[in-house]
Amino acid sequence: CQNGNFCDGEETCKAYPTNLGVQF
C-alpha cells in the first residue's frame, strides 16, 4: 500500500481481484 513516496500521505493499494469466479 505504498506508492514509494513516504511524505505525501498517499497510498496505492492493489485492486480487488475481479476474476475469482463463483465458489460454494
mmCIF file of all heavy atoms, coordinates in Angstrom:
data_MODEL
# 
_entry.id   MODEL 
# 
loop_
_atom_site.group_PDB 
_atom_site.id 
_atom_site.type_symbol 
_atom_site.label_atom_id 
_atom_site.label_alt_id 
_atom_site.label_comp_id 
_atom_site.label_asym_id 
_atom_site.label_entity_id 
_atom_site.label_seq_id 
_atom_site.pdbx_PDB_ins_code 
_atom_site.Cartn_x 
_atom_site.Cartn_y 
_atom_site.Cartn_z 
_atom_site.occupancy 
_atom_site.B_iso_or_equiv 
_atom_site.pdbx_formal_charge 
_atom_site.auth_seq_id 
_atom_site.auth_comp_id 
_atom_site.auth_asym_id 
_atom_site.auth_atom_id 
_atom_site.pdbx_PDB_model_num 
ATOM 1   N N   . CYS A 1 1  ? 0.820   -1.214  0.000   1.00 0.00 ? 1  CYS A N   1 
ATOM 2   C CA  . CYS A 1 1  ? 0.000   0.000   0.000   1.00 0.00 ? 1  CYS A CA  1 
ATOM 3   C C   . CYS A 1 1  ? 0.853   1.264   0.000   1.00 0.00 ? 1  CYS A C   1 
ATOM 4   O O   . CYS A 1 1  ? 0.410   2.313   0.436   1.00 0.00 ? 1  CYS A O   1 
ATOM 5   C CB  . CYS A 1 1  ? -0.924  0.002   1.218   1.00 0.00 ? 1  CYS A CB  1 
ATOM 6   S SG  . CYS A 1 1  ? -2.453  -0.917  0.942   1.00 0.00 ? 1  CYS A SG  1 
ATOM 7   N N   . GLN A 1 2  ? 2.057   1.192   -0.474  1.00 0.00 ? 2  GLN A N   1 
ATOM 8   C CA  . GLN A 1 2  ? 2.918   2.371   -0.542  1.00 0.00 ? 2  GLN A CA  1 
ATOM 9   C C   . GLN A 1 2  ? 3.169   2.743   -2.000  1.00 0.00 ? 2  GLN A C   1 
ATOM 10  O O   . GLN A 1 2  ? 3.323   1.878   -2.863  1.00 0.00 ? 2  GLN A O   1 
ATOM 11  C CB  . GLN A 1 2  ? 4.258   2.090   0.154   1.00 0.00 ? 2  GLN A CB  1 
ATOM 12  C CG  . GLN A 1 2  ? 4.146   1.809   1.644   1.00 0.00 ? 2  GLN A CG  1 
ATOM 13  C CD  . GLN A 1 2  ? 3.662   3.039   2.427   1.00 0.00 ? 2  GLN A CD  1 
ATOM 14  O OE1 . GLN A 1 2  ? 3.753   4.165   1.959   1.00 0.00 ? 2  GLN A OE1 1 
ATOM 15  N NE2 . GLN A 1 2  ? 3.144   2.777   3.621   1.00 0.00 ? 2  GLN A NE2 1 
ATOM 16  N N   . ASN A 1 3  ? 3.188   4.024   -2.246  1.00 0.00 ? 3  ASN A N   1 
ATOM 17  C CA  . ASN A 1 3  ? 3.446   4.470   -3.614  1.00 0.00 ? 3  ASN A CA  1 
ATOM 18  C C   . ASN A 1 3  ? 4.903   4.894   -3.814  1.00 0.00 ? 3  ASN A C   1 
ATOM 19  O O   . ASN A 1 3  ? 5.264   5.469   -4.840  1.00 0.00 ? 3  ASN A O   1 
ATOM 20  C CB  . ASN A 1 3  ? 2.516   5.633   -3.983  1.00 0.00 ? 3  ASN A CB  1 
ATOM 21  C CG  . ASN A 1 3  ? 2.740   6.856   -3.100  1.00 0.00 ? 3  ASN A CG  1 
ATOM 22  O OD1 . ASN A 1 3  ? 3.585   6.836   -2.203  1.00 0.00 ? 3  ASN A OD1 1 
ATOM 23  N ND2 . ASN A 1 3  ? 1.983   7.912   -3.355  1.00 0.00 ? 3  ASN A ND2 1 
ATOM 24  N N   . GLY A 1 4  ? 5.714   4.618   -2.807  1.00 0.00 ? 4  GLY A N   1 
ATOM 25  C CA  . GLY A 1 4  ? 7.130   4.950   -2.933  1.00 0.00 ? 4  GLY A CA  1 
ATOM 26  C C   . GLY A 1 4  ? 7.493   6.307   -2.383  1.00 0.00 ? 4  GLY A C   1 
ATOM 27  O O   . GLY A 1 4  ? 8.670   6.629   -2.249  1.00 0.00 ? 4  GLY A O   1 
ATOM 28  N N   . ASN A 1 5  ? 6.502   7.126   -2.060  1.00 0.00 ? 5  ASN A N   1 
ATOM 29  C CA  . ASN A 1 5  ? 6.767   8.463   -1.511  1.00 0.00 ? 5  ASN A CA  1 
ATOM 30  C C   . ASN A 1 5  ? 6.157   8.525   -0.114  1.00 0.00 ? 5  ASN A C   1 
ATOM 31  O O   . ASN A 1 5  ? 4.939   8.644   0.036   1.00 0.00 ? 5  ASN A O   1 
ATOM 32  C CB  . ASN A 1 5  ? 6.150   9.534   -2.415  1.00 0.00 ? 5  ASN A CB  1 
ATOM 33  C CG  . ASN A 1 5  ? 6.520   10.936  -1.961  1.00 0.00 ? 5  ASN A CG  1 
ATOM 34  O OD1 . ASN A 1 5  ? 6.955   11.145  -0.828  1.00 0.00 ? 5  ASN A OD1 1 
ATOM 35  N ND2 . ASN A 1 5  ? 6.345   11.906  -2.847  1.00 0.00 ? 5  ASN A ND2 1 
ATOM 36  N N   . PHE A 1 6  ? 6.994   8.440   0.907   1.00 0.00 ? 6  PHE A N   1 
ATOM 37  C CA  . PHE A 1 6  ? 6.505   8.391   2.280   1.00 0.00 ? 6  PHE A CA  1 
ATOM 38  C C   . PHE A 1 6  ? 6.118   9.764   2.824   1.00 0.00 ? 6  PHE A C   1 
ATOM 39  O O   . PHE A 1 6  ? 5.718   9.885   3.969   1.00 0.00 ? 6  PHE A O   1 
ATOM 40  C CB  . PHE A 1 6  ? 7.575   7.772   3.191   1.00 0.00 ? 6  PHE A CB  1 
ATOM 41  C CG  . PHE A 1 6  ? 7.872   6.347   2.847   1.00 0.00 ? 6  PHE A CG  1 
ATOM 42  C CD1 . PHE A 1 6  ? 8.962   6.017   2.057   1.00 0.00 ? 6  PHE A CD1 1 
ATOM 43  C CD2 . PHE A 1 6  ? 7.056   5.325   3.295   1.00 0.00 ? 6  PHE A CD2 1 
ATOM 44  C CE1 . PHE A 1 6  ? 9.231   4.697   1.731   1.00 0.00 ? 6  PHE A CE1 1 
ATOM 45  C CE2 . PHE A 1 6  ? 7.323   3.999   2.977   1.00 0.00 ? 6  PHE A CE2 1 
ATOM 46  C CZ  . PHE A 1 6  ? 8.407   3.683   2.195   1.00 0.00 ? 6  PHE A CZ  1 
ATOM 47  N N   . CYS A 1 7  ? 6.235   10.808  2.021   1.00 0.00 ? 7  CYS A N   1 
ATOM 48  C CA  . CYS A 1 7  ? 5.962   12.156  2.509   1.00 0.00 ? 7  CYS A CA  1 
ATOM 49  C C   . CYS A 1 7  ? 4.634   12.732  2.022   1.00 0.00 ? 7  CYS A C   1 
ATOM 50  O O   . CYS A 1 7  ? 4.207   13.789  2.505   1.00 0.00 ? 7  CYS A O   1 
ATOM 51  C CB  . CYS A 1 7  ? 7.095   13.103  2.077   1.00 0.00 ? 7  CYS A CB  1 
ATOM 52  S SG  . CYS A 1 7  ? 8.706   12.659  2.764   1.00 0.00 ? 7  CYS A SG  1 
ATOM 53  N N   . ASP A 1 8  ? 4.008   12.079  1.068   1.00 0.00 ? 8  ASP A N   1 
ATOM 54  C CA  . ASP A 1 8  ? 2.792   12.686  0.520   1.00 0.00 ? 8  ASP A CA  1 
ATOM 55  C C   . ASP A 1 8  ? 1.504   12.123  1.118   1.00 0.00 ? 8  ASP A C   1 
ATOM 56  O O   . ASP A 1 8  ? 0.421   12.625  0.836   1.00 0.00 ? 8  ASP A O   1 
ATOM 57  C CB  . ASP A 1 8  ? 2.758   12.546  -1.011  1.00 0.00 ? 8  ASP A CB  1 
ATOM 58  C CG  . ASP A 1 8  ? 2.719   11.096  -1.468  1.00 0.00 ? 8  ASP A CG  1 
ATOM 59  O OD1 . ASP A 1 8  ? 2.627   10.200  -0.608  1.00 0.00 ? 8  ASP A OD1 1 
ATOM 60  O OD2 . ASP A 1 8  ? 2.791   10.862  -2.695  1.00 0.00 ? 8  ASP A OD2 1 
ATOM 61  N N   . GLY A 1 9  ? 1.622   11.094  1.967   1.00 0.00 ? 9  GLY A N   1 
ATOM 62  C CA  . GLY A 1 9  ? 0.443   10.549  2.629   1.00 0.00 ? 9  GLY A CA  1 
ATOM 63  C C   . GLY A 1 9  ? -0.495  9.794   1.714   1.00 0.00 ? 9  GLY A C   1 
ATOM 64  O O   . GLY A 1 9  ? -1.622  9.479   2.083   1.00 0.00 ? 9  GLY A O   1 
ATOM 65  N N   . GLU A 1 10 ? -0.081  9.502   0.501   1.00 0.00 ? 10 GLU A N   1 
ATOM 66  C CA  . GLU A 1 10 ? -0.923  8.785   -0.436  1.00 0.00 ? 10 GLU A CA  1 
ATOM 67  C C   . GLU A 1 10 ? -0.517  7.312   -0.509  1.00 0.00 ? 10 GLU A C   1 
ATOM 68  O O   . GLU A 1 10 ? 0.642   6.963   -0.332  1.00 0.00 ? 10 GLU A O   1 
ATOM 69  C CB  . GLU A 1 10 ? -0.825  9.402   -1.835  1.00 0.00 ? 10 GLU A CB  1 
ATOM 70  C CG  . GLU A 1 10 ? -1.368  10.820  -1.911  1.00 0.00 ? 10 GLU A CG  1 
ATOM 71  C CD  . GLU A 1 10 ? -1.282  11.384  -3.311  1.00 0.00 ? 10 GLU A CD  1 
ATOM 72  O OE1 . GLU A 1 10 ? -0.863  10.625  -4.209  1.00 0.00 ? 10 GLU A OE1 1 
ATOM 73  O OE2 . GLU A 1 10 ? -1.637  12.551  -3.503  1.00 0.00 ? 10 GLU A OE2 1 
ATOM 74  N N   . GLU A 1 11 ? -1.502  6.488   -0.771  1.00 0.00 ? 11 GLU A N   1 
ATOM 75  C CA  . GLU A 1 11 ? -1.237  5.068   -0.911  1.00 0.00 ? 11 GLU A CA  1 
ATOM 76  C C   . GLU A 1 11 ? -1.865  4.560   -2.204  1.00 0.00 ? 11 GLU A C   1 
ATOM 77  O O   . GLU A 1 11 ? -2.872  5.107   -2.672  1.00 0.00 ? 11 GLU A O   1 
ATOM 78  C CB  . GLU A 1 11 ? -1.814  4.287   0.275   1.00 0.00 ? 11 GLU A CB  1 
ATOM 79  C CG  . GLU A 1 11 ? -1.133  4.598   1.599   1.00 0.00 ? 11 GLU A CG  1 
ATOM 80  C CD  . GLU A 1 11 ? -1.746  3.812   2.750   1.00 0.00 ? 11 GLU A CD  1 
ATOM 81  O OE1 . GLU A 1 11 ? -2.972  3.578   2.704   1.00 0.00 ? 11 GLU A OE1 1 
ATOM 82  O OE2 . GLU A 1 11 ? -1.009  3.427   3.649   1.00 0.00 ? 11 GLU A OE2 1 
ATOM 83  N N   . THR A 1 12 ? -1.255  3.552   -2.754  1.00 0.00 ? 12 THR A N   1 
ATOM 84  C CA  . THR A 1 12 ? -1.788  2.954   -3.976  1.00 0.00 ? 12 THR A CA  1 
ATOM 85  C C   . THR A 1 12 ? -1.925  1.450   -3.748  1.00 0.00 ? 12 THR A C   1 
ATOM 86  O O   . THR A 1 12 ? -1.008  0.683   -3.999  1.00 0.00 ? 12 THR A O   1 
ATOM 87  C CB  . THR A 1 12 ? -0.849  3.215   -5.174  1.00 0.00 ? 12 THR A CB  1 
ATOM 88  O OG1 . THR A 1 12 ? 0.472   2.755   -4.838  1.00 0.00 ? 12 THR A OG1 1 
ATOM 89  C CG2 . THR A 1 12 ? -0.796  4.688   -5.504  1.00 0.00 ? 12 THR A CG2 1 
ATOM 90  N N   . CYS A 1 13 ? -3.066  1.054   -3.234  1.00 0.00 ? 13 CYS A N   1 
ATOM 91  C CA  . CYS A 1 13 ? -3.295  -0.361  -2.923  1.00 0.00 ? 13 CYS A CA  1 
ATOM 92  C C   . CYS A 1 13 ? -3.707  -1.133  -4.171  1.00 0.00 ? 13 CYS A C   1 
ATOM 93  O O   . CYS A 1 13 ? -4.396  -0.599  -5.052  1.00 0.00 ? 13 CYS A O   1 
ATOM 94  C CB  . CYS A 1 13 ? -4.378  -0.505  -1.860  1.00 0.00 ? 13 CYS A CB  1 
ATOM 95  S SG  . CYS A 1 13 ? -3.908  0.214   -0.272  1.00 0.00 ? 13 CYS A SG  1 
ATOM 96  N N   . LYS A 1 14 ? -3.304  -2.397  -4.203  1.00 0.00 ? 14 LYS A N   1 
ATOM 97  C CA  . LYS A 1 14 ? -3.656  -3.247  -5.321  1.00 0.00 ? 14 LYS A CA  1 
ATOM 98  C C   . LYS A 1 14 ? -5.168  -3.464  -5.352  1.00 0.00 ? 14 LYS A C   1 
ATOM 99  O O   . LYS A 1 14 ? -5.801  -3.623  -4.316  1.00 0.00 ? 14 LYS A O   1 
ATOM 100 C CB  . LYS A 1 14 ? -2.944  -4.595  -5.197  1.00 0.00 ? 14 LYS A CB  1 
ATOM 101 C CG  . LYS A 1 14 ? -3.147  -5.512  -6.400  1.00 0.00 ? 14 LYS A CG  1 
ATOM 102 C CD  . LYS A 1 14 ? -2.311  -6.778  -6.280  1.00 0.00 ? 14 LYS A CD  1 
ATOM 103 C CE  . LYS A 1 14 ? -2.530  -7.679  -7.486  1.00 0.00 ? 14 LYS A CE  1 
ATOM 104 N NZ  . LYS A 1 14 ? -1.706  -8.907  -7.406  1.00 0.00 ? 14 LYS A NZ  1 
ATOM 105 N N   . ALA A 1 15 ? -5.730  -3.455  -6.545  1.00 0.00 ? 15 ALA A N   1 
ATOM 106 C CA  . ALA A 1 15 ? -7.182  -3.587  -6.695  1.00 0.00 ? 15 ALA A CA  1 
ATOM 107 C C   . ALA A 1 15 ? -7.649  -4.987  -6.329  1.00 0.00 ? 15 ALA A C   1 
ATOM 108 O O   . ALA A 1 15 ? -6.897  -5.957  -6.412  1.00 0.00 ? 15 ALA A O   1 
ATOM 109 C CB  . ALA A 1 15 ? -7.586  -3.259  -8.132  1.00 0.00 ? 15 ALA A CB  1 
ATOM 110 N N   . TYR A 1 16 ? -8.892  -5.095  -5.942  1.00 0.00 ? 16 TYR A N   1 
ATOM 111 C CA  . TYR A 1 16 ? -9.517  -6.389  -5.615  1.00 0.00 ? 16 TYR A CA  1 
ATOM 112 C C   . TYR A 1 16 ? -9.599  -7.244  -6.874  1.00 0.00 ? 16 TYR A C   1 
ATOM 113 O O   . TYR A 1 16 ? -9.959  -6.750  -7.941  1.00 0.00 ? 16 TYR A O   1 
ATOM 114 C CB  . TYR A 1 16 ? -10.920 -6.126  -5.066  1.00 0.00 ? 16 TYR A CB  1 
ATOM 115 C CG  . TYR A 1 16 ? -11.641 -7.344  -4.562  1.00 0.00 ? 16 TYR A CG  1 
ATOM 116 C CD1 . TYR A 1 16 ? -11.484 -7.765  -3.248  1.00 0.00 ? 16 TYR A CD1 1 
ATOM 117 C CD2 . TYR A 1 16 ? -12.477 -8.063  -5.401  1.00 0.00 ? 16 TYR A CD2 1 
ATOM 118 C CE1 . TYR A 1 16 ? -12.156 -8.888  -2.783  1.00 0.00 ? 16 TYR A CE1 1 
ATOM 119 C CE2 . TYR A 1 16 ? -13.148 -9.186  -4.951  1.00 0.00 ? 16 TYR A CE2 1 
ATOM 120 C CZ  . TYR A 1 16 ? -12.975 -9.591  -3.638  1.00 0.00 ? 16 TYR A CZ  1 
ATOM 121 O OH  . TYR A 1 16 ? -13.638 -10.694 -3.178  1.00 0.00 ? 16 TYR A OH  1 
ATOM 122 N N   . PRO A 1 17 ? -9.225  -8.523  -6.807  1.00 0.00 ? 17 PRO A N   1 
ATOM 123 C CA  . PRO A 1 17 ? -9.303  -9.390  -7.990  1.00 0.00 ? 17 PRO A CA  1 
ATOM 124 C C   . PRO A 1 17 ? -10.730 -9.451  -8.528  1.00 0.00 ? 17 PRO A C   1 
ATOM 125 O O   . PRO A 1 17 ? -11.690 -9.514  -7.764  1.00 0.00 ? 17 PRO A O   1 
ATOM 126 C CB  . PRO A 1 17 ? -8.858  -10.756 -7.449  1.00 0.00 ? 17 PRO A CB  1 
ATOM 127 C CG  . PRO A 1 17 ? -8.075  -10.438 -6.219  1.00 0.00 ? 17 PRO A CG  1 
ATOM 128 C CD  . PRO A 1 17 ? -8.704  -9.207  -5.631  1.00 0.00 ? 17 PRO A CD  1 
ATOM 129 N N   . THR A 1 18 ? -10.874 -9.463  -9.838  1.00 0.00 ? 18 THR A N   1 
ATOM 130 C CA  . THR A 1 18 ? -12.206 -9.438  -10.442 1.00 0.00 ? 18 THR A CA  1 
ATOM 131 C C   . THR A 1 18 ? -12.596 -10.761 -11.099 1.00 0.00 ? 18 THR A C   1 
ATOM 132 O O   . THR A 1 18 ? -13.738 -10.939 -11.488 1.00 0.00 ? 18 THR A O   1 
ATOM 133 C CB  . THR A 1 18 ? -12.291 -8.339  -11.517 1.00 0.00 ? 18 THR A CB  1 
ATOM 134 O OG1 . THR A 1 18 ? -11.281 -8.567  -12.507 1.00 0.00 ? 18 THR A OG1 1 
ATOM 135 C CG2 . THR A 1 18 ? -12.081 -6.968  -10.887 1.00 0.00 ? 18 THR A CG2 1 
ATOM 136 N N   . ASN A 1 19 ? -11.642 -11.700 -11.217 1.00 0.00 ? 19 ASN A N   1 
ATOM 137 C CA  . ASN A 1 19 ? -11.949 -12.937 -11.950 1.00 0.00 ? 19 ASN A CA  1 
ATOM 138 C C   . ASN A 1 19 ? -11.856 -14.163 -11.039 1.00 0.00 ? 19 ASN A C   1 
ATOM 139 O O   . ASN A 1 19 ? -11.315 -15.191 -11.408 1.00 0.00 ? 19 ASN A O   1 
ATOM 140 C CB  . ASN A 1 19 ? -10.998 -13.108 -13.130 1.00 0.00 ? 19 ASN A CB  1 
ATOM 141 C CG  . ASN A 1 19 ? -9.543  -13.150 -12.694 1.00 0.00 ? 19 ASN A CG  1 
ATOM 142 O OD1 . ASN A 1 19 ? -9.199  -12.677 -11.618 1.00 0.00 ? 19 ASN A OD1 1 
ATOM 143 N ND2 . ASN A 1 19 ? -8.686  -13.721 -13.536 1.00 0.00 ? 19 ASN A ND2 1 
ATOM 144 N N   . LEU A 1 20 ? -12.413 -14.033 -9.838  1.00 0.00 ? 20 LEU A N   1 
ATOM 145 C CA  . LEU A 1 20 ? -12.340 -15.133 -8.881  1.00 0.00 ? 20 LEU A CA  1 
ATOM 146 C C   . LEU A 1 20 ? -13.345 -16.231 -9.187  1.00 0.00 ? 20 LEU A C   1 
ATOM 147 O O   . LEU A 1 20 ? -13.196 -17.365 -8.743  1.00 0.00 ? 20 LEU A O   1 
ATOM 148 C CB  . LEU A 1 20 ? -12.579 -14.608 -7.454  1.00 0.00 ? 20 LEU A CB  1 
ATOM 149 C CG  . LEU A 1 20 ? -11.535 -13.614 -6.948  1.00 0.00 ? 20 LEU A CG  1 
ATOM 150 C CD1 . LEU A 1 20 ? -11.921 -13.139 -5.553  1.00 0.00 ? 20 LEU A CD1 1 
ATOM 151 C CD2 . LEU A 1 20 ? -10.159 -14.244 -6.924  1.00 0.00 ? 20 LEU A CD2 1 
ATOM 152 N N   . GLY A 1 21 ? -14.402 -15.946 -9.918  1.00 0.00 ? 21 GLY A N   1 
ATOM 153 C CA  . GLY A 1 21 ? -15.421 -16.935 -10.206 1.00 0.00 ? 21 GLY A CA  1 
ATOM 154 C C   . GLY A 1 21 ? -16.336 -17.132 -9.013  1.00 0.00 ? 21 GLY A C   1 
ATOM 155 O O   . GLY A 1 21 ? -16.195 -16.499 -7.972  1.00 0.00 ? 21 GLY A O   1 
ATOM 156 N N   . VAL A 1 22 ? -17.294 -18.014 -9.168  1.00 0.00 ? 22 VAL A N   1 
ATOM 157 C CA  . VAL A 1 22 ? -18.249 -18.315 -8.108  1.00 0.00 ? 22 VAL A CA  1 
ATOM 158 C C   . VAL A 1 22 ? -17.839 -19.620 -7.455  1.00 0.00 ? 22 VAL A C   1 
ATOM 159 O O   . VAL A 1 22 ? -17.562 -20.607 -8.138  1.00 0.00 ? 22 VAL A O   1 
ATOM 160 C CB  . VAL A 1 22 ? -19.682 -18.438 -8.663  1.00 0.00 ? 22 VAL A CB  1 
ATOM 161 C CG1 . VAL A 1 22 ? -20.648 -18.831 -7.550  1.00 0.00 ? 22 VAL A CG1 1 
ATOM 162 C CG2 . VAL A 1 22 ? -20.106 -17.119 -9.290  1.00 0.00 ? 22 VAL A CG2 1 
ATOM 163 N N   . GLN A 1 23 ? -17.787 -19.631 -6.109  1.00 0.00 ? 23 GLN A N   1 
ATOM 164 C CA  . GLN A 1 23 ? -17.369 -20.826 -5.401  1.00 0.00 ? 23 GLN A CA  1 
ATOM 165 C C   . GLN A 1 23 ? -18.295 -21.068 -4.214  1.00 0.00 ? 23 GLN A C   1 
ATOM 166 O O   . GLN A 1 23 ? -18.514 -20.170 -3.402  1.00 0.00 ? 23 GLN A O   1 
ATOM 167 C CB  . GLN A 1 23 ? -15.927 -20.672 -4.905  1.00 0.00 ? 23 GLN A CB  1 
ATOM 168 C CG  . GLN A 1 23 ? -15.421 -21.880 -4.138  1.00 0.00 ? 23 GLN A CG  1 
ATOM 169 C CD  . GLN A 1 23 ? -14.013 -21.673 -3.633  1.00 0.00 ? 23 GLN A CD  1 
ATOM 170 O OE1 . GLN A 1 23 ? -13.450 -20.597 -3.803  1.00 0.00 ? 23 GLN A OE1 1 
ATOM 171 N NE2 . GLN A 1 23 ? -13.440 -22.675 -3.021  1.00 0.00 ? 23 GLN A NE2 1 
ATOM 172 N N   . PHE A 1 24 ? -18.885 -22.264 -4.119  1.00 0.00 ? 24 PHE A N   1 
ATOM 173 C CA  . PHE A 1 24 ? -19.724 -22.626 -2.989  1.00 0.00 ? 24 PHE A CA  1 
ATOM 174 C C   . PHE A 1 24 ? -18.853 -23.258 -1.919  1.00 0.00 ? 24 PHE A C   1 
ATOM 175 O O   . PHE A 1 24 ? -18.141 -24.225 -2.183  1.00 0.00 ? 24 PHE A O   1 
ATOM 176 C CB  . PHE A 1 24 ? -20.816 -23.620 -3.419  1.00 0.00 ? 24 PHE A CB  1 
ATOM 177 C CG  . PHE A 1 24 ? -21.832 -23.028 -4.347  1.00 0.00 ? 24 PHE A CG  1 
ATOM 178 C CD1 . PHE A 1 24 ? -21.724 -23.202 -5.714  1.00 0.00 ? 24 PHE A CD1 1 
ATOM 179 C CD2 . PHE A 1 24 ? -22.883 -22.275 -3.847  1.00 0.00 ? 24 PHE A CD2 1 
ATOM 180 C CE1 . PHE A 1 24 ? -22.642 -22.653 -6.586  1.00 0.00 ? 24 PHE A CE1 1 
ATOM 181 C CE2 . PHE A 1 24 ? -23.826 -21.719 -4.708  1.00 0.00 ? 24 PHE A CE2 1 
ATOM 182 C CZ  . PHE A 1 24 ? -23.707 -21.904 -6.073  1.00 0.00 ? 24 PHE A CZ  1 
# 
